[in-house]
C-alpha atoms as a PDB file:
ATOM      1  CA  MET A   1     -37.231  23.170 -35.063  1.00  0.00           C
ATOM      2  CA  PRO A   2     -37.163  26.700 -33.579  1.00  0.00           C
ATOM      3  CA  LYS A   3     -40.957  26.961 -33.616  1.00  0.00           C
ATOM      4  CA  LYS A   4     -41.317  23.715 -31.635  1.00  0.00           C
ATOM      5  CA  THR A   5     -38.718  24.871 -29.098  1.00  0.00           C
ATOM      6  CA  ILE A   6     -40.404  28.267 -28.819  1.00  0.00           C
ATOM      7  CA  ARG A   7     -43.755  26.580 -28.106  1.00  0.00           C
ATOM      8  CA  ALA A   8     -42.129  24.388 -25.433  1.00  0.00           C
ATOM      9  CA  LEU A   9     -40.611  27.504 -23.866  1.00  0.00           C
ATOM     10  CA  LEU A  10     -43.976  29.284 -23.935  1.00  0.00           C
ATOM     11  CA  GLU A  11     -45.670  26.268 -22.306  1.00  0.00           C
ATOM     12  CA  ILE A  12     -43.159  26.322 -19.461  1.00  0.00           C
ATOM     13  CA  TYR A  13     -43.673  30.064 -19.018  1.00  0.00           C
ATOM     14  CA  GLN A  14     -47.463  29.631 -18.977  1.00  0.00           C
ATOM     15  CA  ARG A  15     -47.199  26.815 -16.445  1.00  0.00           C
ATOM     16  CA  LEU A  16     -44.746  28.735 -14.272  1.00  0.00           C
ATOM     17  CA  LEU A  17     -46.651  32.042 -14.181  1.00  0.00           C
ATOM     18  CA  PRO A  18     -49.599  30.841 -12.002  1.00  0.00           C
ATOM     19  CA  GLN A  19     -47.153  29.093  -9.672  1.00  0.00           C
ATOM     20  CA  CYS A  20     -45.224  32.351  -9.281  1.00  0.00           C
ATOM     21  CA  GLU A  21     -48.377  34.330  -8.595  1.00  0.00           C
ATOM     22  CA  GLN A  22     -49.530  31.751  -6.043  1.00  0.00           C
ATOM     23  CA  HIS A  23     -46.149  31.779  -4.291  1.00  0.00           C
ATOM     24  CA  LEU A  24     -46.161  35.580  -4.365  1.00  0.00           C
ATOM     25  CA  ALA A  25     -49.513  35.567  -2.548  1.00  0.00           C
ATOM     26  CA  VAL A  26     -48.112  33.151   0.059  1.00  0.00           C
ATOM     27  CA  LEU A  27     -45.017  35.314   0.550  1.00  0.00           C
ATOM     28  CA  THR A  28     -47.092  38.473   0.901  1.00  0.00           C
ATOM     29  CA  GLU A  29     -49.364  36.828   3.471  1.00  0.00           C
ATOM     30  CA  TYR A  30     -46.424  35.415   5.401  1.00  0.00           C
ATOM     31  CA  ASN A  31     -44.688  38.802   5.387  1.00  0.00           C
ATOM     32  CA  LYS A  32     -47.833  40.342   6.885  1.00  0.00           C
ATOM     33  CA  VAL A  33     -48.068  37.596   9.539  1.00  0.00           C
ATOM     34  CA  LEU A  34     -44.406  38.102  10.394  1.00  0.00           C
ATOM     35  CA  ASP A  35     -44.907  41.856  10.779  1.00  0.00           C
ATOM     36  CA  ASP A  36     -47.998  41.308  12.960  1.00  0.00           C
ATOM     37  CA  TYR A  37     -46.124  38.777  15.112  1.00  0.00           C
ATOM     38  CA  GLN A  38     -43.185  41.130  15.622  1.00  0.00           C
ATOM     39  CA  THR A  39     -45.556  43.962  16.559  1.00  0.00           C
ATOM     40  CA  SER A  40     -47.448  41.818  19.069  1.00  0.00           C
ATOM     41  CA  LYS A  41     -44.156  40.517  20.438  1.00  0.00           C
ATOM     42  CA  GLN A  42     -42.968  44.086  21.042  1.00  0.00           C
ATOM     43  CA  ASP A  43     -46.250  44.865  22.827  1.00  0.00           C
ATOM     44  CA  LYS A  44     -45.847  41.749  24.977  1.00  0.00           C
ATOM     45  CA  LYS A  45     -42.274  42.676  25.961  1.00  0.00           C
ATOM     46  CA  THR A  46     -43.463  45.910  27.509  1.00  0.00           C
ATOM     47  CA  LEU A  47     -46.036  44.056  29.635  1.00  0.00           C
ATOM     48  CA  SER A  48     -44.226  40.881  30.731  1.00  0.00           C
ATOM     49  CA  HIS A  49     -41.659  40.148  33.387  1.00  0.00           C
ATOM     50  CA  PRO A  50     -39.050  37.748  31.968  1.00  0.00           C
ATOM     51  CA  GLU A  51     -38.040  36.154  35.269  1.00  0.00           C
ATOM     52  CA  THR A  52     -41.485  34.770  36.101  1.00  0.00           C
ATOM     53  CA  ALA A  53     -42.435  31.167  35.562  1.00  0.00           C
ATOM     54  CA  ASP A  54     -44.850  32.250  32.827  1.00  0.00           C
ATOM     55  CA  ALA A  55     -41.891  33.357  30.737  1.00  0.00           C
ATOM     56  CA  LEU A  56     -40.602  29.779  30.654  1.00  0.00           C
ATOM     57  CA  VAL A  57     -43.614  28.491  28.725  1.00  0.00           C
ATOM     58  CA  LEU A  58     -44.317  29.119  25.045  1.00  0.00           C
ATOM     59  CA  THR A  59     -47.524  31.002  24.418  1.00  0.00           C
ATOM     60  CA  ASP A  60     -50.123  29.796  21.942  1.00  0.00           C
ATOM     61  CA  GLN A  61     -49.134  32.611  19.614  1.00  0.00           C
ATOM     62  CA  GLU A  62     -45.480  31.523  19.693  1.00  0.00           C
ATOM     63  CA  GLU A  63     -46.440  27.908  18.985  1.00  0.00           C
ATOM     64  CA  ILE A  64     -48.627  28.998  16.067  1.00  0.00           C
ATOM     65  CA  PHE A  65     -45.820  31.179  14.760  1.00  0.00           C
ATOM     66  CA  ASP A  66     -43.378  28.272  15.044  1.00  0.00           C
ATOM     67  CA  ALA A  67     -45.750  26.038  13.061  1.00  0.00           C
ATOM     68  CA  LEU A  68     -46.180  28.765  10.433  1.00  0.00           C
ATOM     69  CA  LEU A  69     -42.424  29.192  10.197  1.00  0.00           C
ATOM     70  CA  GLN A  70     -41.909  25.480   9.610  1.00  0.00           C
ATOM     71  CA  LYS A  71     -44.714  25.341   7.032  1.00  0.00           C
ATOM     72  CA  PHE A  72     -43.349  28.397   5.241  1.00  0.00           C
ATOM     73  CA  SER A  73     -39.855  26.938   5.182  1.00  0.00           C
ATOM     74  CA  GLU A  74     -41.110  23.678   3.650  1.00  0.00           C
ATOM     75  CA  THR A  75     -43.315  25.476   1.110  1.00  0.00           C
ATOM     76  CA  ARG A  76     -40.512  27.828   0.129  1.00  0.00           C
ATOM     77  CA  ALA A  77     -38.052  24.980  -0.335  1.00  0.00           C
ATOM     78  CA  GLN A  78     -40.492  22.969  -2.477  1.00  0.00           C
ATOM     79  CA  THR A  79     -41.445  25.983  -4.563  1.00  0.00           C
ATOM     80  CA  PHE A  80     -37.852  26.982  -5.211  1.00  0.00           C
ATOM     81  CA  VAL A  81     -36.962  23.433  -6.242  1.00  0.00           C
ATOM     82  CA  GLY A  82     -39.789  23.613  -8.793  1.00  0.00           C
ATOM     83  CA  PHE A  83     -38.689  27.068  -9.945  1.00  0.00           C
ATOM     84  CA  LYS A  84     -35.095  25.922 -10.341  1.00  0.00           C
ATOM     85  CA  SER A  85     -36.191  22.896 -12.350  1.00  0.00           C
ATOM     86  CA  ASN A  86     -38.289  25.037 -14.704  1.00  0.00           C
ATOM     87  CA  ILE A  87     -35.593  27.693 -15.013  1.00  0.00           C
ATOM     88  CA  ASP A  88     -33.053  25.004 -15.899  1.00  0.00           C
ATOM     89  CA  LYS A  89     -35.435  23.720 -18.604  1.00  0.00           C
ATOM     90  CA  THR A  90     -35.945  27.218 -19.998  1.00  0.00           C
ATOM     91  CA  SER A  91     -32.189  27.833 -20.034  1.00  0.00           C
ATOM     92  CA  GLN A  92     -31.695  24.613 -21.954  1.00  0.00           C
ATOM     93  CA  LEU A  93     -34.431  25.550 -24.455  1.00  0.00           C
ATOM     94  CA  LYS A  94     -32.976  29.049 -24.869  1.00  0.00           C
ATOM     95  CA  ASN A  95     -29.549  27.538 -25.569  1.00  0.00           C
ATOM     96  CA  GLU A  96     -31.111  25.226 -28.168  1.00  0.00           C
ATOM     97  CA  LEU A  97     -32.821  28.220 -29.779  1.00  0.00           C
ATOM     98  CA  CYS A  98     -29.583  30.199 -29.835  1.00  0.00           C
ATOM     99  CA  GLN A  99     -27.782  27.309 -31.513  1.00  0.00           C
ATOM    100  CA  ALA A 100     -30.600  26.783 -34.029  1.00  0.00           C
ATOM    101  CA  ILE A 101     -30.798  30.476 -34.899  1.00  0.00           C
ATOM    102  CA  GLY A 102     -27.034  30.986 -34.748  1.00  0.00           C
ATOM    103  CA  VAL A 103     -26.762  33.694 -32.093  1.00  0.00           C
ATOM    104  CA  LEU A 104     -24.806  33.855 -28.854  1.00  0.00           C
ATOM    105  CA  GLN A 105     -27.392  35.391 -26.523  1.00  0.00           C
ATOM    106  CA  PHE A 106     -31.166  34.892 -26.333  1.00  0.00           C
ATOM    107  CA  ARG A 107     -33.432  37.894 -26.807  1.00  0.00           C
ATOM    108  CA  ASN A 108     -37.184  37.928 -27.395  1.00  0.00           C
ATOM    109  CA  GLU A 109     -36.764  40.003 -30.571  1.00  0.00           C
ATOM    110  CA  LEU A 110     -35.035  37.056 -32.243  1.00  0.00           C
ATOM    111  CA  LEU A 111     -38.292  35.078 -32.138  1.00  0.00           C
ATOM    112  CA  LYS A 112     -40.331  37.616 -34.113  1.00  0.00           C
ATOM    113  CA  SER A 113     -39.443  36.083 -37.487  1.00  0.00           C
ATOM    114  CA  TYR A 114     -40.501  32.597 -36.318  1.00  0.00           C
ATOM    115  CA  LEU A 115     -43.872  33.550 -34.804  1.00  0.00           C
ATOM    116  CA  SER A 116     -46.993  35.337 -35.953  1.00  0.00           C
ATOM    117  CA  ASP A 117     -47.626  38.776 -34.470  1.00  0.00           C
ATOM    118  CA  ALA A 118     -50.251  37.390 -32.062  1.00  0.00           C
ATOM    119  CA  GLU A 119     -47.981  34.531 -30.945  1.00  0.00           C
ATOM    120  CA  TYR A 120     -45.033  36.877 -30.504  1.00  0.00           C
ATOM    121  CA  ARG A 121     -47.131  39.351 -28.505  1.00  0.00           C
ATOM    122  CA  GLN A 122     -48.433  36.493 -26.311  1.00  0.00           C
ATOM    123  CA  PHE A 123     -44.899  35.199 -25.758  1.00  0.00           C
ATOM    124  CA  CYS A 124     -43.641  38.664 -24.778  1.00  0.00           C
ATOM    125  CA  GLU A 125     -46.595  39.290 -22.439  1.00  0.00           C
ATOM    126  CA  VAL A 126     -46.127  35.974 -20.636  1.00  0.00           C
ATOM    127  CA  HIS A 127     -42.350  36.455 -20.481  1.00  0.00           C
ATOM    128  CA  ASP A 128     -42.681  39.984 -19.060  1.00  0.00           C
ATOM    129  CA  ALA A 129     -45.365  38.955 -16.542  1.00  0.00           C
ATOM    130  CA  LEU A 130     -43.183  36.060 -15.403  1.00  0.00           C
ATOM    131  CA  ARG A 131     -40.152  38.320 -15.031  1.00  0.00           C
ATOM    132  CA  ILE A 132     -42.172  40.823 -12.982  1.00  0.00           C
ATOM    133  CA  SER A 133     -43.541  38.054 -10.732  1.00  0.00           C
ATOM    134  CA  LEU A 134     -40.086  36.587 -10.168  1.00  0.00           C
ATOM    135  CA  ASP A 135     -38.701  40.042  -9.346  1.00  0.00           C
ATOM    136  CA  LYS A 136     -41.495  40.607  -6.804  1.00  0.00           C
ATOM    137  CA  ILE A 137     -40.846  37.176  -5.279  1.00  0.00           C
ATOM    138  CA  ARG A 138     -37.150  37.992  -4.984  1.00  0.00           C
ATOM    139  CA  GLU A 139     -37.929  41.373  -3.419  1.00  0.00           C
ATOM    140  CA  ILE A 140     -40.356  40.015  -0.806  1.00  0.00           C
ATOM    141  CA  ASP A 141     -38.082  37.060  -0.093  1.00  0.00           C
ATOM    142  CA  GLN A 142     -35.244  39.499   0.600  1.00  0.00           C
ATOM    143  CA  GLN A 143     -37.521  41.297   3.074  1.00  0.00           C
ATOM    144  CA  ILE A 144     -38.642  38.107   4.819  1.00  0.00           C
ATOM    145  CA  ILE A 145     -35.282  36.360   5.259  1.00  0.00           C
ATOM    146  CA  PRO A 146     -33.746  39.075   7.506  1.00  0.00           C
ATOM    147  CA  LYS A 147     -36.936  39.133   9.596  1.00  0.00           C
ATOM    148  CA  ILE A 148     -36.760  35.370  10.052  1.00  0.00           C
ATOM    149  CA  GLN A 149     -33.070  35.588  10.945  1.00  0.00           C
ATOM    150  CA  THR A 150     -33.921  38.263  13.519  1.00  0.00           C
ATOM    151  CA  GLU A 151     -36.595  36.003  14.997  1.00  0.00           C
ATOM    152  CA  LEU A 152     -34.175  33.073  15.138  1.00  0.00           C
ATOM    153  CA  GLU A 153     -31.635  35.237  16.945  1.00  0.00           C
ATOM    154  CA  SER A 154     -34.277  36.385  19.423  1.00  0.00           C
ATOM    155  CA  VAL A 155     -35.292  32.754  20.006  1.00  0.00           C
ATOM    156  CA  LYS A 156     -31.656  31.829  20.695  1.00  0.00           C
ATOM    157  CA  ILE A 157     -31.358  34.725  23.141  1.00  0.00           C
ATOM    158  CA  GLU A 158     -34.648  33.740  24.784  1.00  0.00           C
ATOM    159  CA  LEU A 159     -33.505  30.118  25.179  1.00  0.00           C
ATOM    160  CA  PHE A 160     -30.223  31.283  26.684  1.00  0.00           C
ATOM    161  CA  ARG A 161     -32.130  33.530  29.099  1.00  0.00           C
ATOM    162  CA  ILE A 162     -34.542  30.736  30.058  1.00  0.00           C
ATOM    163  CA  ARG A 163     -31.683  28.342  30.721  1.00  0.00           C
ATOM    164  CA  GLY A 164     -30.073  31.003  32.894  1.00  0.00           C
ATOM    165  CA  VAL A 165     -33.309  31.474  34.869  1.00  0.00           C
ATOM    166  CA  LYS A 166     -33.599  27.709  35.382  1.00  0.00           C
ATOM    167  CA  LYS A 167     -29.960  27.432  36.492  1.00  0.00           C
ATOM    168  CA  MET A 168     -30.439  30.307  38.892  1.00  0.00           C
ATOM    169  CA  LYS A 169     -33.582  28.664  40.244  1.00  0.00           C
ATOM    170  CA  PHE A 170     -31.699  25.438  40.983  1.00  0.00           C
ATOM    171  CA  ALA A 171     -28.637  27.255  42.299  1.00  0.00           C
ATOM    172  CA  TYR A 172     -30.610  28.731  45.192  1.00  0.00           C
ATOM    173  CA  GLY A 173     -32.778  25.659  45.774  1.00  0.00           C
ATOM    174  CA  SER A 174     -32.330  23.329  48.712  1.00  0.00           C
ATOM    175  CA  PRO A 175     -29.607  20.775  48.141  1.00  0.00           C
ATOM    176  CA  VAL A 176     -30.708  17.187  47.945  1.00  0.00           C
ATOM    177  CA  SER A 177     -29.497  15.351  51.045  1.00  0.00           C
ATOM    178  CA  ARG A 178     -28.746  11.725  50.580  1.00  0.00           C
ATOM    179  CA  GLU A 179     -28.632   9.269  53.400  1.00  0.00           C
ATOM    180  CA  PRO A 180     -25.248   7.740  54.037  1.00  0.00           C
ATOM    181  CA  ARG A 181     -24.951   4.168  53.002  1.00  0.00           C
ATOM    182  CA  PHE A 182     -24.725   1.631  55.745  1.00  0.00           C
ATOM    183  CA  ILE A 183     -22.682  -1.438  55.044  1.00  0.00           C
ATOM    184  CA  ASP A 184     -23.322  -4.336  57.373  1.00  0.00           C
ATOM    185  CA  LYS A 185     -19.939  -6.053  57.713  1.00  0.00           C
ATOM    186  CA  SER A 186     -21.224  -8.659  60.156  1.00  0.00           C
ATOM    187  CA  LYS A 187     -22.799 -10.806  57.465  1.00  0.00           C
END
């Protein structure tokens, strides 16, 4: 029983490791894009005049960034749902192992008596690599989320400013004069 559960746990780890590495690459790339966007946005702020009509239109770069943000959000949500599902399965398998072995807390060392040296070494290597990948994902995710929140705040401020410019534009515009209605009472 424990050997079968250990193999199932190892299979999940082996399946999860490439997914983690792939998501880590996506996060790293997105973090770089976010940094580049913020840098170019700072450069643009020094050159632009916010009250001009050009400031009321999204640039191609902003539209691309918006699309990237939406794609990243969807990818992140899907990936984390998959991670959570696999982590729930591994937790369940670890609990089964603990009950079968008769211990309260799971540790890799407990599996040594149930596996050959090569299998145990493979299990530990995959487990450690997975832990390192998940830690890196958590670290980069914690860097990205504040940057995204900053961008969302700047977008809110920009929308507020644009609405103010539009209101000001209409406030000083010529009022629309309507013709008085004529009611013919002779009919």
